[in-house]
Structure formats: structure tokens, C-alpha cells
Amino acid sequence: MSDIATADSLFFDRTGMDRARVDRLAADALHGADDGELFLEYTQSESLVYDDGRLKSATFDESQGFGLRALAGEATGYAHASELSEDAIERASTTVRAVLAGHSGTQADGPRGTNRALYAPVNPLREMPFERKVKLLEEIDEYARSKDGRIRQVSASLLGEWQAVLIVRGDGRRAADIRPLVRLNVSVVVEQDGRMEAGYDGVGGRAAYDGWFEPTNWRGQVDEALRQALVNLESVPAPAGEMPVVLGPGWTGVLLHEAVGHGLEGDFNRKRTSTFSGRIGEQVAASGVTVVDDGTMADRRGSLTIDDEGTPTGRTVLIEDGILKGYMQDRLNARLMGVAPTGNGRRESYAHHPMPRMTNTFMLAGGEAPEDILKSVDKGLYCVHFGGGQVDITSGKFTFSCTEAYKIEDGKVGAPVKGATLIGNGPEVMNRVSMIGHDLELDHGIGTCGKNGQGVPVGVGQPTVRVDAITVGGTEAA
């Protein structure tokens, strides 16, 4: 069944709404607007958590609703409801049309269509019986506890979602997308000589559960979580001060996402509140640094066949060889800036209006061998995994905590460290990149990005990178 056919079944056959009547309601609500859409959503989600040798929680949730949006210049009229009915849509139109008082616009052309499919429309919640999911979590717990006598706690969780969206424009054109999303998390706590440390690994993507239920896959997750925990048992206080930092491949791209990616979203640049505002064509990073946002990667957590305005996602070059090339755009900011939307209009749910958001954002590979990058540093820090971070979009300043990091001494990876925090400025750090590895990796499918109270799934990545100087917050003088 096609995405449109599935959407029709969910939003019309199931609810009793008349398709032609809904089209007319959308057309009437958006008459005279510069842009806008009716966004219909139906979502099923589940979460299973296995902790301390037992199933701690199991939840299932089903939600539905619509969001109706009309745009007049910069102004937005938005109304939403959890009721899928013609009466509710008609009531919402009264609210959104208030923004059109005294305004007479010509609605912008709708997004082009697409026949591609970046993921199968499978519903992961229905593909496997509940008992099999619980059994998997039990097997993870048993396997983990058999690995090492120092393990004190094991936690595993399974999360699945199936989201169907239908976007109806004022001219009657429609776009639909059926989006699966799954994630498997494993964490362990170990204890030795009264010291306790933790390790974690997670995987996920837009697919069914099957691939992650293979023993070779989930056992690898357990092994990785245990490895991190045991490394942390041997950690020493982190050095402090300004020093060269080598960022490992993969998940460390979250620093790029926060410190640079958000500053390249269209709304911040239209309002000129980003440190990158008005700098198209200027050098904003070191030569060799190329950063892209790509929502077209099959089965990736951050990928979308169409964004939440109906625009097909694309591969947008943001920085090329150090030169700023463009921003990520939704329809509103693209129209006001006189450029084309890039398929980055995203929303958490029907209750939220869309805004420019990242999909899968990463730095392209260079030509250096990772071992040569490490050998180039006499004394510094090697960061492999990050925890939480914060960034100020206006100034570009950021702080990030390292959950796995090591001293670099005489070009070799030394003792693991605990309590390291990276402190810096995004554009400055990008200009201090001096070596880029050939080992580009993407994260394993666990990223969630927050902005203005909305969370959406994203992907990050990068190769091994040397940054000549970053301030490291620690407890030991460098």
C-alpha cells in the first residue's frame, strides 16, 4: 500500500472525514495567505524498560491530531487539536485566519513531489510479538551479567514508533509519509574497590526491530557498554587548560551539531542572531572542512522522505572547504530570505509549528590516517564520546562533557580521564582544525535534538579531527 493510500485509510476511512470536504476547508482557511498547510498526524509508540532483572515498565501510546497553519509575511496563525473531525478543522480555521486580517497574499507554490522511499512503511510495533521483545531484554540482562563479576546493574530499553503524516495544501495538493523509528539502549554499572562507573551503548534507525534483535548485534552493544564502564574504572582526573584535542569519529559529531549546526539554521540567520549571519561566501572554518546536512540517507534516524511541510529532504552543503555556502531552510524563512527551502522544516508533532531543524549533519572525511593525527600531538586530549552540551547561538560559545576521553602523551593514547569538559567557540574551533581523518563515521542512531521546546530525531557524524587548541576544564593542571 502506498503512503498516500495508508494515509487516506487512517485519516478519512477510519475517522469518517470526507476528503473533498477537508480539501475545501484547507483551501478556505488558507485563502489569501502567503503559505501554510493542514498537517494531519497519527502515531503509535511503545517503550519497554528492563532493569534490575525485571521488566520495570511497558507502555503503549496512540495519538492523533492536526495542526493548521496560515502565514502572512512573518506572522504565523496556528491552531491544533487532538480531534480529527471536519468540525474541529473548521473551528481551527477561524483562529488561524485572524493573522490574515487586512492581508492579501498569493500562496507560494507547493513543494515538488517525490517518488523515492528512504525507509519501508513497516510498523515495527506490529512486526514482533510483545513476548519476543521482553525475551530479548531478558537475554541482554543475562548475557551482560555473565560477562563480568563486577557488574552491579544492567538496564536495557526498547523504543518503537510508527508515525503517519498527511500534508494538505490550500491548492489541494497532498503529500504523505509513513515513518518507522526504533531504538535499543543498553547500560551497565560496574563496581570495583568501592568505585562505581557506568557505560552505555545505543543503536537505532528507521526500520523494523529485526536487525537489532540479532545476537551478534545486541551482544556487541553489551560488550561496548561494558568496555566503557571498565575504562572509566581506570580513569584519572582530567587535565585542565588550553591544549590540542583530537576528536574521535562518529558520535563526537554532536559537538559539530551543537556548536556549528544550530547556527546554520535559517531562522537564526534571517533574524541575524547567529554568529554566521550574513557571512555566505566567507571563510568560517579551516581549509578542508566541509559540513553537510543530508536527510536523504536510507533508514537513518535523522532522515525523512519529506519534511513536515511536504518538501523532499536533500543534501545541503553548509560549509565547503571552509567557506560558508548556505543555511538549512524551512518554507517560511526561505521565502523571506529569497532562497529555496532545503527540506529542513520539522516539527515534533501536530501540536507544534515547523521550523528549520537539522536532519543528519556531519563533516566529510579528509585524507589523514587517524593514527598519524594522534602521533602529531605531544600532549593533549583524545575525546571518544560526549555526554551533554550547551551552546549559545549568538556567540557560538559551547561547553561539552566527555564521557570517554584519554590523555595523549608523546603521540600515544594514555590513561583514560574523568571529568573532562570542552569549552570553546564554534567558529573559532572550526578555524583551528588542522588535520582531518579519512575515517568518517555516523552515530549509531540515537540522536535527539532540542530546540524551542521541541525534540526531533537527528543524526551526527565526523571523522577523526585534530583541533589545535580547545580549553579543557578538568581537575588536574595540564
Protein backbone atom coordinates (compact mmCIF):
# COMPACT_ATOMS: atom_id res chain seq x y z
CA MET A 1 0.00 0.00 0.00
CA SER A 2 1.34 3.46 -0.93
CA ASP A 3 1.93 6.14 1.70
CA ILE A 4 -1.00 8.17 0.32
CA ALA A 5 -3.30 5.13 0.43
CA THR A 6 -2.25 4.36 4.00
CA ALA A 7 -2.79 8.00 4.99
CA ASP A 8 -6.22 8.05 3.35
CA SER A 9 -7.20 4.96 5.30
CA LEU A 10 -6.02 6.47 8.60
CA PHE A 11 -7.33 9.99 8.20
CA PHE A 12 -10.51 9.51 6.18
CA ASP A 13 -11.76 5.92 6.19
CA ARG A 14 -11.03 5.45 9.90
CA THR A 15 -12.30 8.85 11.10
CA GLY A 16 -15.23 9.26 8.72
CA MET A 17 -13.96 12.61 7.41
CA ASP A 18 -14.69 13.39 3.78
CA ARG A 19 -11.56 14.02 1.74
CA ALA A 20 -13.14 16.58 -0.58
CA ARG A 21 -14.63 18.47 2.38
CA VAL A 22 -11.25 18.58 4.16
CA ASP A 23 -9.61 19.88 0.98
CA ARG A 24 -12.19 22.70 0.81
CA LEU A 25 -11.70 23.56 4.49
CA ALA A 26 -7.93 23.84 3.96
CA ALA A 27 -8.43 25.97 0.85
CA ASP A 28 -10.82 28.34 2.65
CA ALA A 29 -8.57 28.65 5.70
CA LEU A 30 -5.52 29.48 3.58
CA HIS A 31 -7.20 31.81 1.09
CA GLY A 32 -5.13 35.00 0.89
CA ALA A 33 -2.22 33.53 2.89
CA ASP A 34 1.36 33.59 1.68
CA ASP A 35 1.78 29.96 2.63
CA GLY A 36 0.51 27.30 5.01
CA GLU A 37 -0.82 23.79 5.28
CA LEU A 38 -3.04 21.36 7.13
CA PHE A 39 -0.84 18.78 8.88
CA LEU A 40 -2.55 15.52 9.92
CA GLU A 41 -0.75 13.04 12.16
CA TYR A 42 -1.37 9.58 13.62
CA THR A 43 1.31 7.99 15.84
CA GLN A 44 1.73 4.75 17.75
CA SER A 45 4.65 4.37 20.16
CA GLU A 46 5.89 1.90 22.75
CA SER A 47 8.59 1.70 25.38
CA LEU A 48 9.85 -1.33 27.31
CA VAL A 49 12.40 -0.93 30.12
CA TYR A 50 14.13 -3.90 31.76
CA ASP A 51 16.06 -3.01 34.91
CA ASP A 52 17.46 -4.91 37.90
CA GLY A 53 16.48 -8.25 36.41
CA ARG A 54 12.83 -7.50 35.76
CA LEU A 55 10.52 -5.71 33.36
CA LYS A 56 10.23 -2.33 35.06
CA SER A 57 7.79 -0.67 32.68
CA ALA A 58 5.94 -1.29 29.42
CA THR A 59 3.91 1.46 27.81
CA PHE A 60 1.94 1.90 24.62
CA ASP A 61 0.62 5.21 23.38
CA GLU A 62 -1.61 6.21 20.47
CA SER A 63 -2.04 9.85 19.48
CA GLN A 64 -3.64 11.72 16.62
CA GLY A 65 -4.43 15.27 15.67
CA PHE A 66 -3.93 18.09 13.22
CA GLY A 67 -2.18 21.42 13.01
CA LEU A 68 -3.47 24.18 10.71
CA ARG A 69 -1.10 27.00 9.80
CA ALA A 70 -1.52 30.22 7.80
CA LEU A 71 1.39 32.58 7.06
CA ALA A 72 1.15 36.29 6.34
CA GLY A 73 4.58 37.83 5.89
CA GLU A 74 6.47 36.93 9.08
CA ALA A 75 3.28 36.36 11.08
CA THR A 76 2.01 32.85 11.78
CA GLY A 77 -1.51 31.80 12.67
CA TYR A 78 -1.52 28.29 14.13
CA ALA A 79 -4.18 26.10 15.71
CA HIS A 80 -4.14 22.42 16.59
CA ALA A 81 -6.39 19.80 18.14
CA SER A 82 -6.30 16.13 19.04
CA GLU A 83 -9.73 15.66 17.44
CA LEU A 84 -9.73 14.56 13.82
CA SER A 85 -13.02 15.89 12.53
CA GLU A 86 -14.27 18.36 9.96
CA ASP A 87 -15.87 20.47 12.70
CA ALA A 88 -12.56 20.76 14.58
CA ILE A 89 -10.71 21.81 11.42
CA GLU A 90 -13.39 24.39 10.64
CA ARG A 91 -13.11 25.84 14.16
CA ALA A 92 -9.32 25.98 13.82
CA SER A 93 -9.60 27.90 10.55
CA THR A 94 -11.35 30.76 12.36
CA THR A 95 -8.33 31.08 14.65
CA VAL A 96 -5.62 30.92 12.00
CA ARG A 97 -7.40 33.34 9.68
CA ALA A 98 -7.09 36.07 12.31
CA VAL A 99 -3.50 36.54 11.16
CA LEU A 100 -4.76 37.28 7.63
CA ALA A 101 -6.87 40.31 8.60
CA GLY A 102 -6.02 43.08 6.16
CA HIS A 103 -3.57 40.81 4.33
CA SER A 104 -3.98 39.66 0.75
CA GLY A 105 -1.25 37.32 -0.41
CA THR A 106 -0.73 34.80 -3.15
CA GLN A 107 0.05 31.39 -1.75
CA ALA A 108 3.54 30.19 -2.65
CA ASP A 109 3.92 27.24 -4.96
CA GLY A 110 3.86 23.94 -3.12
CA PRO A 111 6.81 21.57 -2.80
CA ARG A 112 7.67 19.33 -5.71
CA GLY A 113 6.64 15.72 -5.42
CA THR A 114 8.91 12.73 -4.89
CA ASN A 115 8.59 9.03 -5.67
CA ARG A 116 11.57 7.95 -3.60
CA ALA A 117 11.23 6.00 -0.36
CA LEU A 118 14.05 6.26 2.18
CA TYR A 119 12.58 3.64 4.51
CA ALA A 120 9.95 0.91 4.41
CA PRO A 121 6.50 1.87 5.75
CA VAL A 122 6.63 -1.09 8.16
CA ASN A 123 5.04 -0.69 11.59
CA PRO A 124 7.72 -2.05 13.98
CA LEU A 125 5.26 -2.27 16.85
CA ARG A 126 3.23 -4.90 14.99
CA GLU A 127 6.08 -6.85 13.41
CA MET A 128 7.04 -8.75 16.57
CA PRO A 129 5.00 -10.12 19.47
CA PHE A 130 5.30 -8.45 22.86
CA GLU A 131 6.66 -11.64 24.44
CA ARG A 132 9.59 -11.71 21.99
CA LYS A 133 10.51 -8.14 22.89
CA VAL A 134 10.53 -8.94 26.60
CA LYS A 135 12.57 -12.08 25.91
CA LEU A 136 15.21 -10.01 24.13
CA LEU A 137 15.59 -7.70 27.11
CA GLU A 138 15.88 -10.72 29.43
CA GLU A 139 18.60 -12.19 27.20
CA ILE A 140 20.50 -8.90 27.23
CA ASP A 141 20.36 -8.81 31.02
CA GLU A 142 21.53 -12.43 31.37
CA TYR A 143 24.35 -12.06 28.85
CA ALA A 144 25.62 -8.85 30.44
CA ARG A 145 25.69 -10.30 33.95
CA SER A 146 27.61 -13.35 32.69
CA LYS A 147 30.36 -11.18 31.22
CA ASP A 148 31.96 -9.77 34.37
CA GLY A 149 31.53 -10.29 38.09
CA ARG A 150 31.95 -6.56 38.71
CA ILE A 151 28.64 -5.73 37.05
CA ARG A 152 26.15 -4.41 39.60
CA GLN A 153 23.33 -3.14 37.42
CA VAL A 154 22.07 -3.75 33.89
CA SER A 155 19.41 -1.69 32.17
CA ALA A 156 18.04 -2.27 28.68
CA SER A 157 15.25 -0.46 26.89
CA LEU A 158 13.42 -0.83 23.61
CA LEU A 159 11.57 2.05 21.98
CA GLY A 160 9.48 1.97 18.84
CA GLU A 161 7.35 4.44 16.91
CA TRP A 162 5.18 4.45 13.81
CA GLN A 163 4.14 7.87 12.56
CA ALA A 164 1.86 8.63 9.62
CA VAL A 165 1.57 12.20 8.34
CA LEU A 166 -0.56 13.77 5.63
CA ILE A 167 0.01 17.35 4.48
CA VAL A 168 -2.81 19.13 2.64
CA ARG A 169 -2.14 22.46 0.97
CA GLY A 170 -4.59 25.17 0.00
CA ASP A 171 -4.44 24.20 -3.68
CA GLY A 172 -5.48 20.63 -2.85
CA ARG A 173 -2.06 19.10 -3.36
CA ARG A 174 -1.17 16.47 -0.79
CA ALA A 175 1.94 14.67 0.45
CA ALA A 176 2.17 11.73 2.84
CA ASP A 177 4.91 9.93 4.72
CA ILE A 178 4.89 6.75 6.83
CA ARG A 179 7.79 6.79 9.29
CA PRO A 180 9.05 3.89 11.41
CA LEU A 181 11.61 4.56 14.17
CA VAL A 182 13.24 2.17 16.65
CA ARG A 183 15.98 2.31 19.27
CA LEU A 184 17.67 -0.22 21.58
CA ASN A 185 19.65 1.03 24.59
CA VAL A 186 21.96 -0.87 26.94
CA SER A 187 23.71 0.48 30.04
CA VAL A 188 25.74 -1.22 32.75
CA VAL A 189 27.15 -0.17 36.11
CA VAL A 190 30.30 -1.82 37.45
CA GLU A 191 31.90 -1.67 40.88
CA GLN A 192 35.48 -2.27 41.95
CA ASP A 193 37.02 -1.48 45.32
CA GLY A 194 34.05 0.70 46.22
CA ARG A 195 34.21 2.71 42.99
CA MET A 196 31.25 2.60 40.62
CA GLU A 197 31.27 3.60 36.95
CA ALA A 198 28.80 3.29 34.07
CA GLY A 199 28.91 2.56 30.35
CA TYR A 200 26.28 2.89 27.63
CA ASP A 201 25.59 1.98 24.02
CA GLY A 202 22.55 2.60 21.83
CA VAL A 203 21.51 1.87 18.24
CA GLY A 204 18.51 2.71 16.13
CA GLY A 205 17.07 3.86 12.83
CA ARG A 206 14.01 3.99 10.61
CA ALA A 207 13.37 0.28 10.25
CA ALA A 208 11.79 -2.72 11.94
CA TYR A 209 13.28 -4.26 15.08
CA ASP A 210 14.64 -7.33 13.25
CA GLY A 211 18.20 -6.20 12.61
CA TRP A 212 18.84 -5.21 16.20
CA PHE A 213 17.41 -8.48 17.53
CA GLU A 214 20.28 -10.45 16.01
CA PRO A 215 22.50 -11.76 18.86
CA THR A 216 25.70 -10.60 17.16
CA ASN A 217 24.32 -7.05 17.19
CA TRP A 218 22.91 -6.73 20.71
CA ARG A 219 25.80 -8.64 22.23
CA GLY A 220 28.09 -6.12 20.60
CA GLN A 221 26.13 -3.38 22.36
CA VAL A 222 26.54 -5.07 25.72
CA ASP A 223 30.26 -5.57 25.10
CA GLU A 224 30.66 -1.90 24.20
CA ALA A 225 28.75 -0.65 27.25
CA LEU A 226 30.85 -2.91 29.49
CA ARG A 227 34.07 -1.76 27.82
CA GLN A 228 33.23 1.88 28.52
CA ALA A 229 32.38 1.14 32.15
CA LEU A 230 35.64 -0.75 32.72
CA VAL A 231 37.64 2.02 31.04
CA ASN A 232 36.04 4.54 33.39
CA LEU A 233 37.08 2.41 36.38
CA GLU A 234 40.69 3.13 35.45
CA SER A 235 40.18 6.84 34.76
CA VAL A 236 42.27 9.53 36.42
CA PRO A 237 41.49 13.24 36.93
CA ALA A 238 41.25 15.14 33.64
CA PRO A 239 43.88 17.76 32.81
CA ALA A 240 42.84 21.40 32.65
CA GLY A 241 43.95 24.24 30.40
CA GLU A 242 44.21 25.00 26.69
CA MET A 243 45.61 22.13 24.66
CA PRO A 244 45.34 20.24 21.36
CA VAL A 245 42.30 17.98 21.25
CA VAL A 246 41.71 15.02 18.95
CA LEU A 247 38.05 14.15 18.41
CA GLY A 248 37.34 10.54 17.54
CA PRO A 249 34.99 9.57 14.69
CA GLY A 250 31.21 9.19 14.93
CA TRP A 251 29.28 10.41 17.95
CA THR A 252 31.72 13.27 18.62
CA GLY A 253 29.95 14.95 15.68
CA VAL A 254 27.40 16.05 18.29
CA LEU A 255 29.81 18.89 19.08
CA LEU A 256 29.65 19.95 15.42
CA HIS A 257 25.85 19.66 15.56
CA GLU A 258 25.55 21.93 18.58
CA ALA A 259 28.44 24.36 18.15
CA VAL A 260 28.03 24.92 14.40
CA GLY A 261 24.87 23.24 13.09
CA HIS A 262 22.31 25.25 15.04
CA GLY A 263 24.00 28.46 13.99
CA LEU A 264 23.40 27.49 10.35
CA GLU A 265 19.61 27.13 10.66
CA GLY A 266 17.68 29.65 8.58
CA ASP A 267 15.58 31.32 11.30
CA PHE A 268 18.60 32.42 13.35
CA ASN A 269 20.25 33.84 10.24
CA ARG A 270 17.18 35.63 8.92
CA LYS A 271 16.83 37.30 12.30
CA ARG A 272 20.62 37.89 12.33
CA THR A 273 21.05 36.35 15.77
CA SER A 274 23.60 33.74 14.65
CA THR A 275 27.33 34.23 14.62
CA PHE A 276 27.14 33.05 10.97
CA SER A 277 24.57 35.66 9.87
CA GLY A 278 25.35 37.49 6.64
CA ARG A 279 28.55 35.54 6.02
CA ILE A 280 27.69 33.49 2.90
CA GLY A 281 30.85 33.23 0.80
CA GLU A 282 33.17 33.96 3.71
CA GLN A 283 35.69 31.62 5.25
CA VAL A 284 34.21 30.40 8.54
CA ALA A 285 36.30 27.26 9.06
CA ALA A 286 39.74 25.94 8.24
CA SER A 287 40.53 24.82 4.70
CA GLY A 288 39.48 21.21 4.21
CA VAL A 289 36.43 21.47 6.48
CA THR A 290 33.24 20.53 4.61
CA VAL A 291 29.97 20.17 6.52
CA VAL A 292 26.72 18.86 5.05
CA ASP A 293 23.19 18.19 6.23
CA ASP A 294 21.73 15.17 4.46
CA GLY A 295 18.18 13.99 5.06
CA THR A 296 18.24 11.52 2.16
CA MET A 297 20.22 8.67 3.74
CA ALA A 298 18.28 5.41 3.73
CA ASP A 299 16.99 4.17 7.11
CA ARG A 300 18.92 6.77 9.11
CA ARG A 301 17.35 8.15 12.29
CA GLY A 302 17.55 11.75 11.08
CA SER A 303 16.31 11.05 7.55
CA LEU A 304 12.90 11.99 6.13
CA THR A 305 11.39 11.26 2.74
CA ILE A 306 9.62 14.62 3.06
CA ASP A 307 9.90 17.17 5.83
CA ASP A 308 6.91 18.29 7.90
CA GLU A 309 5.90 20.86 5.28
CA GLY A 310 5.93 18.33 2.43
CA THR A 311 9.29 19.37 0.94
CA PRO A 312 11.54 16.45 -0.07
CA THR A 313 14.70 16.45 2.01
CA GLY A 314 18.05 16.97 0.32
CA ARG A 315 21.80 17.04 0.75
CA THR A 316 22.66 20.63 1.67
CA VAL A 317 26.30 21.74 1.65
CA LEU A 318 26.64 24.19 4.53
CA ILE A 319 30.40 24.73 4.61
CA GLU A 320 32.68 23.72 1.72
CA ASP A 321 36.44 23.74 2.14
CA GLY A 322 35.99 26.23 4.96
CA ILE A 323 33.68 28.59 3.01
CA LEU A 324 30.09 29.18 4.17
CA LYS A 325 27.78 28.09 1.34
CA GLY A 326 24.27 28.21 2.78
CA TYR A 327 21.79 27.61 5.56
CA MET A 328 19.16 24.98 6.37
CA GLN A 329 15.73 26.35 5.45
CA ASP A 330 12.07 25.73 6.05
CA ARG A 331 9.49 27.35 3.77
CA LEU A 332 8.81 30.47 5.84
CA ASN A 333 12.43 31.54 6.30
CA ALA A 334 13.40 30.56 2.76
CA ARG A 335 10.61 32.73 1.34
CA LEU A 336 11.58 35.72 3.47
CA MET A 337 15.27 35.31 2.59
CA GLY A 338 14.60 34.84 -1.12
CA VAL A 339 16.07 31.34 -1.36
CA ALA A 340 14.75 27.83 -1.92
CA PRO A 341 13.63 25.63 1.02
CA THR A 342 16.04 22.78 1.70
CA GLY A 343 13.64 20.25 3.24
CA ASN A 344 14.53 21.14 6.83
CA GLY A 345 11.08 22.23 8.05
CA ARG A 346 10.47 19.96 11.03
CA ARG A 347 8.07 19.75 13.99
CA GLU A 348 7.83 17.46 16.99
CA SER A 349 4.14 16.74 16.42
CA TYR A 350 0.89 18.20 15.11
CA ALA A 351 0.79 20.41 18.23
CA HIS A 352 3.94 22.28 17.11
CA HIS A 353 4.59 24.57 14.17
CA PRO A 354 7.54 23.72 11.88
CA MET A 355 10.90 25.49 11.97
CA PRO A 356 14.35 24.91 10.44
CA ARG A 357 15.95 21.83 12.00
CA MET A 358 18.87 19.56 11.17
CA THR A 359 18.48 16.01 9.82
CA ASN A 360 21.83 14.13 9.56
CA THR A 361 24.63 16.67 9.95
CA PHE A 362 28.28 15.69 9.59
CA MET A 363 31.77 16.70 8.45
CA LEU A 364 33.15 14.95 5.37
CA ALA A 365 36.31 12.85 5.53
CA GLY A 366 39.78 14.18 4.83
CA GLY A 367 42.93 12.32 3.84
CA GLU A 368 44.81 11.77 7.11
CA ALA A 369 45.30 8.43 8.84
CA PRO A 370 43.79 8.54 12.37
CA GLU A 371 47.00 7.15 13.88
CA ASP A 372 49.01 9.96 12.28
CA ILE A 373 46.66 12.53 13.79
CA LEU A 374 47.27 11.10 17.25
CA LYS A 375 51.04 10.92 16.64
CA SER A 376 51.05 14.65 15.82
CA VAL A 377 50.08 15.58 19.41
CA ASP A 378 52.79 15.61 22.10
CA LYS A 379 50.44 16.43 24.96
CA GLY A 380 46.68 16.79 24.69
CA LEU A 381 43.30 15.10 24.99
CA TYR A 382 41.64 12.39 22.89
CA CYS A 383 37.80 12.53 23.12
CA VAL A 384 35.82 9.48 22.04
CA HIS A 385 32.33 10.04 23.48
CA PHE A 386 30.38 13.08 24.66
CA GLY A 387 27.54 13.46 27.11
CA GLY A 388 25.51 16.64 27.43
CA GLY A 389 26.38 20.00 25.92
CA GLN A 390 25.17 23.57 25.63
CA VAL A 391 25.66 26.29 23.04
CA ASP A 392 24.84 29.99 22.72
CA ILE A 393 23.74 30.54 19.11
CA THR A 394 24.52 34.27 19.14
CA SER A 395 28.10 33.99 20.37
CA GLY A 396 28.87 30.42 19.31
CA LYS A 397 30.20 29.57 22.78
CA PHE A 398 29.76 25.96 23.91
CA THR A 399 30.53 23.53 26.72
CA PHE A 400 30.58 19.73 26.34
CA SER A 401 31.24 16.99 28.87
CA CYS A 402 33.31 13.98 27.78
CA THR A 403 32.06 10.56 28.86
CA GLU A 404 35.10 8.78 27.40
CA ALA A 405 38.41 10.56 26.94
CA TYR A 406 42.13 9.86 27.25
CA LYS A 407 45.35 11.75 27.75
CA ILE A 408 47.62 11.97 24.71
CA GLU A 409 51.29 11.76 25.67
CA ASP A 410 54.12 11.72 23.13
CA GLY A 411 51.72 10.89 20.32
CA LYS A 412 50.19 7.89 22.08
CA VAL A 413 46.85 7.31 23.76
CA GLY A 414 47.46 7.29 27.51
CA ALA A 415 45.36 6.95 30.63
CA PRO A 416 41.59 7.43 30.50
CA VAL A 417 40.38 10.59 32.24
CA LYS A 418 37.25 11.51 34.13
CA GLY A 419 35.52 14.88 34.40
CA ALA A 420 36.82 16.49 31.18
CA THR A 421 34.77 19.35 29.73
CA LEU A 422 35.45 21.10 26.43
CA ILE A 423 34.87 24.86 26.44
CA GLY A 424 35.11 26.95 23.31
CA ASN A 425 33.58 28.92 20.48
CA GLY A 426 32.18 27.06 17.47
CA PRO A 427 33.60 29.21 14.66
CA GLU A 428 36.95 29.52 16.43
CA VAL A 429 37.20 25.76 16.88
CA MET A 430 36.33 25.18 13.21
CA ASN A 431 39.18 27.51 12.24
CA ARG A 432 41.59 25.58 14.45
CA VAL A 433 41.03 22.25 12.70
CA SER A 434 44.41 21.25 11.29
CA MET A 435 44.04 17.55 10.42
CA ILE A 436 41.01 15.59 9.17
CA GLY A 437 40.94 11.79 9.10
CA HIS A 438 39.73 9.52 6.33
CA ASP A 439 37.55 7.55 8.77
CA LEU A 440 34.17 9.29 8.60
CA GLU A 441 31.59 7.59 10.81
CA LEU A 442 27.98 8.39 11.61
CA ASP A 443 26.47 7.83 15.02
CA HIS A 444 24.61 4.59 15.70
CA GLY A 445 21.14 6.13 15.57
CA ILE A 446 20.45 7.63 19.00
CA GLY A 447 20.42 11.42 18.50
CA THR A 448 17.57 13.67 19.61
CA CYS A 449 17.82 17.43 19.12
CA GLY A 450 16.02 20.01 21.22
CA LYS A 451 15.10 23.50 20.04
CA ASN A 452 12.45 25.88 21.37
CA GLY A 453 10.91 23.10 23.42
CA GLN A 454 10.63 20.66 20.50
CA GLY A 455 12.57 17.41 20.18
CA VAL A 456 13.19 15.62 16.87
CA PRO A 457 15.38 12.62 15.91
CA VAL A 458 18.67 13.54 14.23
CA GLY A 459 21.96 12.02 13.12
CA VAL A 460 25.52 13.29 13.60
CA GLY A 461 28.98 12.24 12.47
CA GLN A 462 32.53 13.16 11.57
CA PRO A 463 35.95 11.63 11.00
CA THR A 464 38.86 11.82 13.44
CA VAL A 465 39.80 15.51 13.70
CA ARG A 466 42.65 17.42 15.31
CA VAL A 467 41.81 20.81 16.80
CA ASP A 468 44.97 22.72 17.65
CA ALA A 469 43.61 24.35 20.81
CA ILE A 470 40.49 23.98 22.95
CA THR A 471 40.09 24.92 26.59
CA VAL A 472 39.67 21.78 28.67
CA GLY A 473 38.00 22.02 32.05
CA GLY A 474 39.35 19.42 34.46
CA THR A 475 40.76 18.96 37.92
CA GLU A 476 44.44 18.49 37.15
CA ALA A 477 46.78 21.19 35.90
CA ALA A 478 47.95 20.49 32.37
